[in-house]
Amino acid sequence: WRKIGELKQRELKCLGRTVPELSLRSYSSGATVPDEDRERMARDPSLVYQAGREYGTRHFVFRRTNLPCLRCGGPIKQLRQATYNSGESEGEEERTRIIYFCPKCQNVR
């Protein structure tokens, strides 16, 4: 929930490693979740909203609100985050988007 300029150097380095890894995994497999976790989600109906639907096994947190985290088992949460678009005519326009996360694993209070 912080701006990039507020991150510590170690946090920026972590992002610099993690973002390309997730992007490559997503591009090559169509999912951000490793195959072993996807298989676990496919076998355990409590980990997905609709059992048997392959789409529900692609992500760690995206669209998994209140389902168990794949790492710690705690519930996935969501919050709205304000974003700003520079409008051509009247300055910045506020919009919101939903952010999904595990409060425990991602240390969010």
C-alpha atoms as a PDB file:
ATOM      1  CA  TRP A   1       0.000   0.000   0.000  1.00  0.00           C
ATOM      2  CA  ARG A   2       3.044   2.229  -0.412  1.00  0.00           C
ATOM      3  CA  LYS A   3       4.335   4.134  -3.376  1.00  0.00           C
ATOM      4  CA  ILE A   4       7.469   2.898  -5.148  1.00  0.00           C
ATOM      5  CA  GLY A   5       9.438   5.860  -3.810  1.00  0.00           C
ATOM      6  CA  GLU A   6       8.647   4.751  -0.247  1.00  0.00           C
ATOM      7  CA  LEU A   7      10.129   1.246  -0.644  1.00  0.00           C
ATOM      8  CA  LYS A   8      13.440   0.270   0.901  1.00  0.00           C
ATOM      9  CA  GLN A   9      16.310  -0.854  -1.309  1.00  0.00           C
ATOM     10  CA  ARG A  10      15.869  -4.526  -0.307  1.00  0.00           C
ATOM     11  CA  GLU A  11      12.159  -4.343  -1.204  1.00  0.00           C
ATOM     12  CA  LEU A  12      12.988  -2.897  -4.620  1.00  0.00           C
ATOM     13  CA  LYS A  13      15.516  -5.687  -5.213  1.00  0.00           C
ATOM     14  CA  CYS A  14      12.914  -8.269  -4.243  1.00  0.00           C
ATOM     15  CA  LEU A  15      10.448  -6.757  -6.725  1.00  0.00           C
ATOM     16  CA  GLY A  16      13.177  -6.677  -9.365  1.00  0.00           C
ATOM     17  CA  ARG A  17      13.624 -10.461  -8.965  1.00  0.00           C
ATOM     18  CA  THR A  18      10.001 -11.476  -8.407  1.00  0.00           C
ATOM     19  CA  VAL A  19       8.187  -9.534 -11.140  1.00  0.00           C
ATOM     20  CA  PRO A  20      10.216 -11.030 -14.035  1.00  0.00           C
ATOM     21  CA  GLU A  21       9.941 -14.540 -12.542  1.00  0.00           C
ATOM     22  CA  LEU A  22       6.147 -14.313 -12.217  1.00  0.00           C
ATOM     23  CA  SER A  23       5.818 -12.729 -15.640  1.00  0.00           C
ATOM     24  CA  LEU A  24       7.818 -15.513 -17.280  1.00  0.00           C
ATOM     25  CA  ARG A  25       5.885 -18.224 -15.411  1.00  0.00           C
ATOM     26  CA  SER A  26       2.573 -16.630 -16.357  1.00  0.00           C
ATOM     27  CA  TYR A  27       3.565 -16.226 -19.996  1.00  0.00           C
ATOM     28  CA  SER A  28       4.902 -19.759 -20.391  1.00  0.00           C
ATOM     29  CA  SER A  29       2.226 -21.648 -18.425  1.00  0.00           C
ATOM     30  CA  GLY A  30      -0.800 -19.350 -18.366  1.00  0.00           C
ATOM     31  CA  ALA A  31      -0.662 -19.242 -14.552  1.00  0.00           C
ATOM     32  CA  THR A  32       1.291 -17.654 -11.707  1.00  0.00           C
ATOM     33  CA  VAL A  33       0.907 -20.780  -9.557  1.00  0.00           C
ATOM     34  CA  PRO A  34       3.450 -23.621  -9.970  1.00  0.00           C
ATOM     35  CA  ASP A  35       2.161 -26.905 -11.390  1.00  0.00           C
ATOM     36  CA  GLU A  36       2.254 -28.709  -8.024  1.00  0.00           C
ATOM     37  CA  ASP A  37      -0.017 -26.066  -6.459  1.00  0.00           C
ATOM     38  CA  ARG A  38      -2.360 -26.145  -9.457  1.00  0.00           C
ATOM     39  CA  GLU A  39      -2.660 -29.916  -9.070  1.00  0.00           C
ATOM     40  CA  ARG A  40      -3.371 -29.516  -5.343  1.00  0.00           C
ATOM     41  CA  MET A  41      -6.086 -26.937  -6.114  1.00  0.00           C
ATOM     42  CA  ALA A  42      -7.624 -29.244  -8.717  1.00  0.00           C
ATOM     43  CA  ARG A  43      -7.788 -32.103  -6.167  1.00  0.00           C
ATOM     44  CA  ASP A  44      -9.081 -30.059  -3.197  1.00  0.00           C
ATOM     45  CA  PRO A  45     -12.466 -28.341  -3.793  1.00  0.00           C
ATOM     46  CA  SER A  46     -12.003 -26.182  -0.668  1.00  0.00           C
ATOM     47  CA  LEU A  47      -9.199 -24.288  -2.444  1.00  0.00           C
ATOM     48  CA  VAL A  48     -11.306 -23.048  -5.388  1.00  0.00           C
ATOM     49  CA  TYR A  49     -14.725 -21.444  -5.905  1.00  0.00           C
ATOM     50  CA  GLN A  50     -15.901 -23.947  -8.508  1.00  0.00           C
ATOM     51  CA  ALA A  51     -14.417 -27.421  -8.451  1.00  0.00           C
ATOM     52  CA  GLY A  52     -13.434 -28.787 -11.843  1.00  0.00           C
ATOM     53  CA  ARG A  53     -12.879 -25.388 -13.469  1.00  0.00           C
ATOM     54  CA  GLU A  54      -9.288 -25.036 -14.610  1.00  0.00           C
ATOM     55  CA  TYR A  55      -9.433 -21.227 -14.520  1.00  0.00           C
ATOM     56  CA  GLY A  56      -9.694 -21.224 -10.721  1.00  0.00           C
ATOM     57  CA  THR A  57      -6.288 -22.894 -10.371  1.00  0.00           C
ATOM     58  CA  ARG A  58      -4.190 -20.231 -12.119  1.00  0.00           C
ATOM     59  CA  HIS A  59      -3.484 -17.685  -9.374  1.00  0.00           C
ATOM     60  CA  PHE A  60      -2.192 -17.479  -5.802  1.00  0.00           C
ATOM     61  CA  VAL A  61      -4.541 -14.667  -4.735  1.00  0.00           C
ATOM     62  CA  PHE A  62      -6.297 -13.106  -7.764  1.00  0.00           C
ATOM     63  CA  ARG A  63     -10.067 -13.595  -7.471  1.00  0.00           C
ATOM     64  CA  ARG A  64      -9.595 -15.937  -4.481  1.00  0.00           C
ATOM     65  CA  THR A  65     -11.189 -13.720  -1.798  1.00  0.00           C
ATOM     66  CA  ASN A  66     -11.900 -15.665   1.437  1.00  0.00           C
ATOM     67  CA  LEU A  67     -10.389 -18.881   0.039  1.00  0.00           C
ATOM     68  CA  PRO A  68      -7.397 -20.348   1.923  1.00  0.00           C
ATOM     69  CA  CYS A  69      -3.917 -19.081   1.104  1.00  0.00           C
ATOM     70  CA  LEU A  70      -1.906 -21.819  -0.626  1.00  0.00           C
ATOM     71  CA  ARG A  71       1.037 -21.206   1.728  1.00  0.00           C
ATOM     72  CA  CYS A  72      -0.337 -20.455   5.222  1.00  0.00           C
ATOM     73  CA  GLY A  73      -4.021 -21.467   4.945  1.00  0.00           C
ATOM     74  CA  GLY A  74      -5.287 -18.070   6.123  1.00  0.00           C
ATOM     75  CA  PRO A  75      -8.052 -16.354   4.151  1.00  0.00           C
ATOM     76  CA  ILE A  76      -7.208 -14.318   1.055  1.00  0.00           C
ATOM     77  CA  LYS A  77      -8.503 -10.749   1.405  1.00  0.00           C
ATOM     78  CA  GLN A  78      -9.235  -7.912  -0.971  1.00  0.00           C
ATOM     79  CA  LEU A  79      -9.196  -4.121  -0.709  1.00  0.00           C
ATOM     80  CA  ARG A  80      -9.859  -1.303  -3.136  1.00  0.00           C
ATOM     81  CA  GLN A  81      -6.870   0.797  -4.085  1.00  0.00           C
ATOM     82  CA  ALA A  82      -7.161   4.290  -5.520  1.00  0.00           C
ATOM     83  CA  THR A  83      -5.370   4.906  -8.798  1.00  0.00           C
ATOM     84  CA  TYR A  84      -5.144   8.131 -10.722  1.00  0.00           C
ATOM     85  CA  ASN A  85      -5.304   8.701 -14.455  1.00  0.00           C
ATOM     86  CA  SER A  86      -4.306  12.015 -15.903  1.00  0.00           C
ATOM     87  CA  GLY A  87      -7.333  13.200 -17.821  1.00  0.00           C
ATOM     88  CA  GLU A  88      -6.612  15.249 -20.880  1.00  0.00           C
ATOM     89  CA  SER A  89      -9.121  17.941 -20.028  1.00  0.00           C
ATOM     90  CA  GLU A  90      -9.580  18.208 -16.277  1.00  0.00           C
ATOM     91  CA  GLY A  91      -6.473  16.887 -14.485  1.00  0.00           C
ATOM     92  CA  GLU A  92      -6.305  13.667 -12.542  1.00  0.00           C
ATOM     93  CA  GLU A  93      -9.263  11.322 -12.323  1.00  0.00           C
ATOM     94  CA  GLU A  94      -9.477   8.915  -9.365  1.00  0.00           C
ATOM     95  CA  ARG A  95     -10.364   5.306 -10.067  1.00  0.00           C
ATOM     96  CA  THR A  96     -10.197   2.213  -7.936  1.00  0.00           C
ATOM     97  CA  ARG A  97      -9.107  -1.350  -8.528  1.00  0.00           C
ATOM     98  CA  ILE A  98      -9.331  -4.447  -6.380  1.00  0.00           C
ATOM     99  CA  ILE A  99      -6.116  -5.737  -4.848  1.00  0.00           C
ATOM    100  CA  TYR A 100      -6.021  -9.358  -3.614  1.00  0.00           C
ATOM    101  CA  PHE A 101      -3.527 -10.479  -0.948  1.00  0.00           C
ATOM    102  CA  CYS A 102      -2.749 -12.808   1.947  1.00  0.00           C
ATOM    103  CA  PRO A 103      -2.495 -10.604   5.071  1.00  0.00           C
ATOM    104  CA  LYS A 104      -0.179 -13.066   6.836  1.00  0.00           C
ATOM    105  CA  CYS A 105       2.221 -14.026   4.034  1.00  0.00           C
ATOM    106  CA  GLN A 106       2.368 -10.507   2.629  1.00  0.00           C
ATOM    107  CA  ASN A 107       2.546  -8.877   6.074  1.00  0.00           C
ATOM    108  CA  VAL A 108      -0.434  -6.548   5.519  1.00  0.00           C
ATOM    109  CA  ARG A 109      -2.213  -5.062   8.505  1.00  0.00           C
END
